[in-house]
Amino acid sequence: MIAEETELIGVPYSSIDDIWGEVKPMLAKGIAHGDGELDLDDIHRLLIERSMQLWVVYNSDEDQIAMAGVTEIVSYPKSKICRAVVLGGDGVDRWLSHIAGIEEWAKSKGCDKLEAYGRRGLAKKMEQIGYNNKYVVIRKDL
């Protein structure tokens, strides 16, 4: 099997609308597994407002985006965390190695951790690249 040529790209804020139609379905898959905290309109607005960051893994062999993800930086009194809000795309194994690029970017922004909320399947994949499942979110509607 020939290795695919893929590249992680941090999408400039000025280019978000140019690729929104292509990444929207990928992000929608991830959002569907959430609990209604955010919808795609919220994410789009927060990206445009520069509160979140859009990432894509571009596959040049297929001339298409293989993954789209959104991060945000959360500052606590004792820690600054880059949170992966949503990651979506086909074939997690095709883009998982690119998480390292987001980690490097997060370090350059002063973050000391990267965290992700996701399904158990993603947690198992992330464990392969050094992540630990620290806690689960248990929620009840009131």
Protein backbone atom coordinates (compact mmCIF):
# COMPACT_ATOMS: atom_id res chain seq x y z
CA MET A 1 0.00 0.00 0.00
CA ILE A 2 1.31 3.42 -0.94
CA ALA A 3 1.28 6.02 1.81
CA GLU A 4 -1.08 8.89 1.23
CA GLU A 5 0.26 12.42 0.97
CA THR A 6 -1.58 14.35 3.66
CA GLU A 7 -0.90 17.67 5.34
CA LEU A 8 -2.31 19.42 8.40
CA ILE A 9 -3.43 22.97 7.68
CA GLY A 10 -4.55 25.58 10.17
CA VAL A 11 -7.18 27.43 8.18
CA PRO A 12 -6.76 31.21 8.25
CA TYR A 13 -9.84 33.01 9.56
CA SER A 14 -10.15 34.80 6.21
CA SER A 15 -10.52 31.43 4.41
CA ILE A 16 -13.12 29.77 6.64
CA ASP A 17 -16.07 30.65 4.42
CA ASP A 18 -14.17 29.42 1.34
CA ILE A 19 -14.10 25.83 2.61
CA TRP A 20 -17.06 25.83 5.02
CA GLY A 21 -19.26 23.89 2.58
CA GLU A 22 -16.67 21.11 2.37
CA VAL A 23 -15.92 20.80 6.10
CA LYS A 24 -19.48 21.29 7.35
CA PRO A 25 -20.57 17.65 6.74
CA MET A 26 -17.46 16.33 8.51
CA LEU A 27 -18.05 18.54 11.52
CA ALA A 28 -21.76 17.65 11.51
CA LYS A 29 -20.89 13.98 12.08
CA GLY A 30 -18.94 14.88 15.21
CA ILE A 31 -21.53 17.36 16.45
CA ALA A 32 -24.21 14.67 16.10
CA HIS A 33 -22.47 12.71 18.87
CA GLY A 34 -22.59 15.68 21.24
CA ASP A 35 -25.35 16.64 23.60
CA GLY A 36 -26.60 19.80 21.92
CA GLU A 37 -24.01 22.15 23.39
CA LEU A 38 -23.15 23.57 19.98
CA ASP A 39 -24.52 23.41 16.50
CA LEU A 40 -22.80 24.15 13.21
CA ASP A 41 -24.00 27.75 13.17
CA ASP A 42 -22.44 28.29 16.62
CA ILE A 43 -19.15 26.80 15.50
CA HIS A 44 -19.10 28.88 12.32
CA ARG A 45 -19.78 32.06 14.30
CA LEU A 46 -17.10 31.24 16.89
CA LEU A 47 -14.59 30.52 14.12
CA ILE A 48 -15.33 33.84 12.43
CA GLU A 49 -15.08 35.61 15.81
CA ARG A 50 -11.66 33.95 16.28
CA SER A 51 -12.73 32.18 19.49
CA MET A 52 -12.05 28.80 17.86
CA GLN A 53 -9.63 27.49 15.26
CA LEU A 54 -10.36 25.38 12.18
CA TRP A 55 -7.98 22.60 11.11
CA VAL A 56 -8.06 20.36 8.07
CA VAL A 57 -6.01 17.42 6.93
CA TYR A 58 -5.70 17.75 3.18
CA ASN A 59 -5.09 14.65 1.07
CA SER A 60 -3.24 15.83 -2.05
CA ASP A 61 -3.44 12.37 -3.67
CA GLU A 62 -7.23 12.61 -3.68
CA ASP A 63 -7.39 16.42 -3.83
CA GLN A 64 -9.80 16.51 -0.90
CA ILE A 65 -10.03 17.17 2.79
CA ALA A 66 -9.69 13.98 4.85
CA MET A 67 -10.46 15.53 8.25
CA ALA A 68 -11.84 18.73 9.71
CA GLY A 69 -11.44 19.71 13.32
CA VAL A 70 -12.11 22.64 15.58
CA THR A 71 -10.11 23.64 18.64
CA GLU A 72 -10.40 26.31 21.28
CA ILE A 73 -8.02 27.53 23.93
CA VAL A 74 -9.37 27.46 27.47
CA SER A 75 -7.48 29.29 30.21
CA TYR A 76 -7.79 28.18 33.80
CA PRO A 77 -5.94 29.78 36.73
CA LYS A 78 -3.34 26.99 36.76
CA SER A 79 -3.46 25.60 33.24
CA LYS A 80 -3.99 26.62 29.63
CA ILE A 81 -5.61 23.88 27.57
CA CYS A 82 -6.19 23.44 23.87
CA ARG A 83 -9.49 21.61 23.58
CA ALA A 84 -10.45 19.68 20.47
CA VAL A 85 -14.12 20.60 20.27
CA VAL A 86 -14.96 18.39 17.30
CA LEU A 87 -12.95 16.17 14.96
CA GLY A 88 -14.57 14.63 11.94
CA GLY A 89 -13.58 12.77 8.83
CA ASP A 90 -13.48 9.35 7.32
CA GLY A 91 -10.87 6.88 8.51
CA VAL A 92 -9.40 8.19 11.75
CA ASP A 93 -6.22 6.20 11.05
CA ARG A 94 -5.69 8.36 7.95
CA TRP A 95 -5.33 11.56 9.98
CA LEU A 96 -4.58 10.62 13.59
CA SER A 97 -0.84 11.24 13.21
CA HIS A 98 -1.55 14.89 12.39
CA ILE A 99 -2.76 15.56 15.93
CA ALA A 100 0.95 16.11 16.70
CA GLY A 101 0.85 19.26 14.57
CA ILE A 102 -2.02 20.64 16.61
CA GLU A 103 -0.09 19.78 19.78
CA GLU A 104 2.92 21.77 18.55
CA TRP A 105 0.72 24.74 17.68
CA ALA A 106 -0.92 24.54 21.12
CA LYS A 107 2.50 24.56 22.81
CA SER A 108 3.45 27.65 20.81
CA LYS A 109 0.33 29.36 22.21
CA GLY A 110 1.35 28.54 25.78
CA CYS A 111 -0.93 25.55 26.30
CA ASP A 112 0.26 22.81 28.62
CA LYS A 113 -2.38 20.25 27.63
CA LEU A 114 -4.52 19.19 24.70
CA GLU A 115 -7.81 17.52 25.49
CA ALA A 116 -10.60 16.12 23.39
CA TYR A 117 -14.15 15.16 24.05
CA GLY A 118 -15.19 12.20 21.98
CA ARG A 119 -16.68 8.78 21.77
CA ARG A 120 -14.98 5.77 23.32
CA GLY A 121 -13.71 4.70 19.89
CA LEU A 122 -11.82 7.98 19.49
CA ALA A 123 -10.44 7.63 23.02
CA LYS A 124 -9.01 4.22 22.14
CA LYS A 125 -7.39 5.63 18.99
CA MET A 126 -5.98 8.61 20.89
CA GLU A 127 -4.46 6.26 23.48
CA GLN A 128 -2.28 4.91 20.65
CA ILE A 129 -0.61 8.32 20.38
CA GLY A 130 -0.07 8.89 24.10
CA TYR A 131 -3.38 10.24 25.35
CA ASN A 132 -4.92 9.01 28.60
CA ASN A 133 -8.63 8.77 29.28
CA LYS A 134 -8.71 10.91 32.44
CA TYR A 135 -12.46 11.08 32.96
CA VAL A 136 -15.77 10.61 31.27
CA VAL A 137 -18.62 13.06 31.12
CA ILE A 138 -21.81 11.82 32.74
CA ARG A 139 -24.78 14.08 32.20
CA LYS A 140 -28.45 14.24 33.13
CA ASP A 141 -30.99 16.60 31.63
CA LEU A 142 -32.80 18.64 34.28
